[in-house]
Amino acid sequence: MNRGRAAILAILAVAVLVGGSIYWLQVYAFYREIASDSFEITRPDGSKAVVPVTDWQGIDSSSSPIRFRACFRADPALLAQAAPYARPTPLLTPRWFDCFDAGTLDRALESGEAVALLGEAGVVEGVDRVLAVFPDGRAYAWHQRDLCGPLTMGAERPLDCPPGSGDPSPLAPAAPPPPGADPTPPARAVSP
């Protein structure tokens, strides 16, 4: 074997090891299983309620605020107290967490088989906890970016965001200016 082949094999071996390590880190290393016997929901008036759950399976990660996923069962009448959620987008999950199928949930939400509800607005700034609930009590939860929230600007922001959205909570009304303050927002400085 000449030096060229040895160098190529060494580079390929390192590439396979690095690629495998990155895959393992993304799919397994940062996730941890979480346990719960209840789930918090947000009512349309902004108040919170805690709903008891069974058959809980959940995962989360400290490396990203949108890696939370959960599958559970609860009384659909209790979950129905939650505020509706306008733009649900179930996010993909590692294959080994097989109770959560984002494609199936997306189709169920689109067809009306499941309803999207608000678990908690702003669980992390700009991120909401969303639920997909089926009539038989099956429920699935995930975190997703609030596209009408305070961190989304420009082309990403949907044109149909309600007035006053962008507040830290989609249920919070716009705060009035302090007494004696100018109600017009300050002009932005534009650098040449």
Protein backbone atom coordinates (compact mmCIF):
# COMPACT_ATOMS: atom_id res chain seq x y z
CA MET A 1 0.00 0.00 0.00
CA ASN A 2 1.45 3.33 -0.93
CA ARG A 3 1.32 6.55 1.09
CA GLY A 4 -1.47 8.05 -1.02
CA ARG A 5 -3.84 5.18 -0.33
CA ALA A 6 -2.98 5.21 3.37
CA ALA A 7 -3.69 8.95 3.55
CA ILE A 8 -7.03 8.54 1.75
CA LEU A 9 -8.07 5.68 4.05
CA ALA A 10 -7.07 7.71 7.13
CA ILE A 11 -9.10 10.72 5.90
CA LEU A 12 -12.11 8.49 5.18
CA ALA A 13 -11.85 6.83 8.59
CA VAL A 14 -11.74 10.20 10.35
CA ALA A 15 -14.69 11.45 8.24
CA VAL A 16 -16.77 8.39 9.15
CA LEU A 17 -15.94 8.80 12.85
CA VAL A 18 -16.74 12.53 12.84
CA GLY A 19 -19.96 12.00 10.86
CA GLY A 20 -21.07 9.20 13.17
CA SER A 21 -20.28 11.31 16.23
CA ILE A 22 -22.27 14.27 14.91
CA TYR A 23 -25.24 12.00 14.11
CA TRP A 24 -25.12 10.44 17.58
CA LEU A 25 -24.88 13.85 19.25
CA GLN A 26 -27.89 15.20 17.33
CA VAL A 27 -30.14 12.15 17.65
CA TYR A 28 -29.26 10.68 21.05
CA ALA A 29 -26.82 12.63 23.24
CA PHE A 30 -28.69 15.83 24.00
CA TYR A 31 -32.15 14.32 24.61
CA ARG A 32 -33.31 13.15 28.01
CA GLU A 33 -36.54 11.45 28.95
CA ILE A 34 -38.85 13.44 31.20
CA ALA A 35 -41.67 12.22 33.41
CA SER A 36 -44.92 13.97 34.29
CA ASP A 37 -48.38 13.20 35.64
CA SER A 38 -49.90 16.56 34.67
CA PHE A 39 -49.84 19.12 31.88
CA GLU A 40 -50.39 22.87 32.10
CA ILE A 41 -52.72 24.57 29.63
CA THR A 42 -53.55 28.22 29.00
CA ARG A 43 -57.22 29.20 28.83
CA PRO A 44 -58.51 31.85 26.39
CA ASP A 45 -58.58 34.44 29.21
CA GLY A 46 -54.87 33.80 29.90
CA SER A 47 -55.39 31.86 33.14
CA LYS A 48 -53.63 28.53 33.62
CA ALA A 49 -55.03 25.12 34.47
CA VAL A 50 -53.25 21.88 35.33
CA VAL A 51 -54.67 18.77 33.68
CA PRO A 52 -53.86 15.27 35.03
CA VAL A 53 -52.40 12.94 32.37
CA THR A 54 -51.68 9.22 31.97
CA ASP A 55 -49.47 7.17 29.65
CA TRP A 56 -46.91 10.01 29.55
CA GLN A 57 -43.86 9.70 27.31
CA GLY A 58 -41.72 12.81 26.98
CA ILE A 59 -38.31 14.01 25.86
CA ASP A 60 -36.53 17.35 26.11
CA SER A 61 -33.11 18.83 25.54
CA SER A 62 -31.18 21.68 27.08
CA SER A 63 -29.43 22.31 23.75
CA SER A 64 -32.50 23.81 22.04
CA PRO A 65 -35.84 25.21 23.23
CA ILE A 66 -37.77 23.45 20.43
CA ARG A 67 -36.77 19.84 21.18
CA PHE A 68 -39.54 19.17 23.71
CA ARG A 69 -42.01 16.44 22.64
CA ALA A 70 -44.62 14.54 24.63
CA CYS A 71 -47.32 11.93 24.05
CA PHE A 72 -49.99 11.29 26.69
CA ARG A 73 -53.67 10.75 27.42
CA ALA A 74 -55.97 13.14 29.25
CA ASP A 75 -59.66 13.94 29.60
CA PRO A 76 -60.48 15.75 26.34
CA ALA A 77 -63.07 17.90 28.14
CA LEU A 78 -60.35 19.26 30.44
CA LEU A 79 -57.94 19.87 27.56
CA ALA A 80 -60.70 21.62 25.59
CA GLN A 81 -60.52 24.47 28.14
CA ALA A 82 -57.26 25.56 26.48
CA ALA A 83 -57.09 28.44 24.04
CA PRO A 84 -57.00 27.44 20.38
CA TYR A 85 -53.64 27.71 18.61
CA ALA A 86 -53.70 29.28 15.16
CA ARG A 87 -50.57 27.98 13.40
CA PRO A 88 -49.66 24.52 14.68
CA THR A 89 -46.59 22.96 13.07
CA PRO A 90 -45.65 19.61 14.62
CA LEU A 91 -41.88 19.25 14.47
CA LEU A 92 -39.92 16.13 13.60
CA THR A 93 -38.50 14.00 16.36
CA PRO A 94 -35.82 11.31 16.56
CA ARG A 95 -36.99 7.97 15.16
CA TRP A 96 -36.44 6.25 18.50
CA PHE A 97 -39.20 8.43 20.05
CA ASP A 98 -41.83 6.57 18.08
CA CYS A 99 -45.03 7.70 19.83
CA PHE A 100 -44.75 11.11 18.13
CA ASP A 101 -45.20 11.25 14.34
CA ALA A 102 -45.12 14.84 13.07
CA GLY A 103 -46.51 13.92 9.62
CA THR A 104 -49.50 12.08 11.06
CA LEU A 105 -50.21 14.92 13.50
CA ASP A 106 -49.96 17.51 10.74
CA ARG A 107 -52.47 15.61 8.58
CA ALA A 108 -54.83 15.14 11.56
CA LEU A 109 -54.72 18.86 12.32
CA GLU A 110 -55.30 19.77 8.67
CA SER A 111 -58.28 17.40 8.37
CA GLY A 112 -59.85 18.50 11.66
CA GLU A 113 -59.42 15.05 13.21
CA ALA A 114 -57.32 16.73 15.93
CA VAL A 115 -57.48 20.27 17.32
CA ALA A 116 -54.50 22.50 18.16
CA LEU A 117 -54.49 24.13 21.59
CA LEU A 118 -52.12 26.36 23.55
CA GLY A 119 -50.23 24.71 26.34
CA GLU A 120 -48.12 27.71 27.28
CA ALA A 121 -47.27 30.88 25.38
CA GLY A 122 -43.68 32.03 25.65
CA VAL A 123 -42.42 28.91 27.45
CA VAL A 124 -39.10 30.37 26.29
CA GLU A 125 -39.07 33.80 24.63
CA GLY A 126 -40.51 33.39 21.14
CA VAL A 127 -41.40 29.72 21.66
CA ASP A 128 -44.84 28.28 22.52
CA ARG A 129 -45.86 24.87 23.89
CA VAL A 130 -48.55 23.52 21.57
CA LEU A 131 -50.94 20.56 21.88
CA ALA A 132 -52.68 18.40 19.30
CA VAL A 133 -55.69 16.76 20.96
CA PHE A 134 -57.84 13.94 19.55
CA PRO A 135 -61.46 13.31 20.66
CA ASP A 136 -60.48 10.02 22.37
CA GLY A 137 -58.06 11.83 24.74
CA ARG A 138 -54.80 11.16 22.92
CA ALA A 139 -52.66 14.29 23.10
CA TYR A 140 -49.29 15.27 21.70
CA ALA A 141 -47.24 18.31 22.70
CA TRP A 142 -44.26 20.09 21.25
CA HIS A 143 -42.51 23.46 21.32
CA GLN A 144 -42.54 25.65 18.23
CA ARG A 145 -41.52 29.18 17.32
CA ASP A 146 -44.31 31.74 17.61
CA LEU A 147 -44.31 33.19 14.09
CA CYS A 148 -46.30 36.21 15.28
CA GLY A 149 -44.17 36.59 18.40
CA PRO A 150 -41.53 39.11 19.40
CA LEU A 151 -38.58 37.32 17.77
CA THR A 152 -40.00 36.99 14.25
CA MET A 153 -39.55 39.90 11.90
CA GLY A 154 -39.46 40.63 8.21
CA ALA A 155 -40.19 38.00 5.57
CA GLU A 156 -40.69 35.20 8.15
CA ARG A 157 -43.61 37.01 9.78
CA PRO A 158 -47.00 35.96 8.33
CA LEU A 159 -49.08 38.79 6.88
CA ASP A 160 -52.15 37.71 8.84
CA CYS A 161 -50.62 38.13 12.33
CA PRO A 162 -53.19 39.84 14.55
CA PRO A 163 -52.68 43.49 15.52
CA GLY A 164 -50.65 43.81 18.70
CA SER A 165 -48.99 40.45 18.13
CA GLY A 166 -45.34 40.42 18.85
CA ASP A 167 -46.12 40.88 22.52
CA PRO A 168 -44.42 38.32 24.77
CA SER A 169 -47.74 36.46 25.01
CA PRO A 170 -50.31 36.06 22.24
CA LEU A 171 -52.98 36.56 24.90
CA ALA A 172 -51.47 39.76 26.35
CA PRO A 173 -52.95 43.05 25.18
CA ALA A 174 -50.60 45.76 24.02
CA ALA A 175 -49.40 47.73 27.04
CA PRO A 176 -50.53 51.36 27.06
CA PRO A 177 -47.76 53.98 27.16
CA PRO A 178 -46.99 55.46 30.57
CA PRO A 179 -48.89 58.65 31.47
CA GLY A 180 -47.38 61.68 29.73
CA ALA A 181 -45.32 59.56 27.32
CA ASP A 182 -45.42 60.05 23.57
CA PRO A 183 -47.52 57.12 22.18
CA THR A 184 -45.69 57.10 18.83
CA PRO A 185 -42.77 54.71 18.60
CA PRO A 186 -39.32 56.30 18.25
CA ALA A 187 -37.88 56.47 14.74
CA ARG A 188 -35.20 53.93 13.93
CA ALA A 189 -31.77 55.28 13.17
CA VAL A 190 -30.52 54.18 9.77
CA SER A 191 -26.80 54.04 9.26
CA PRO A 192 -25.48 55.24 5.89
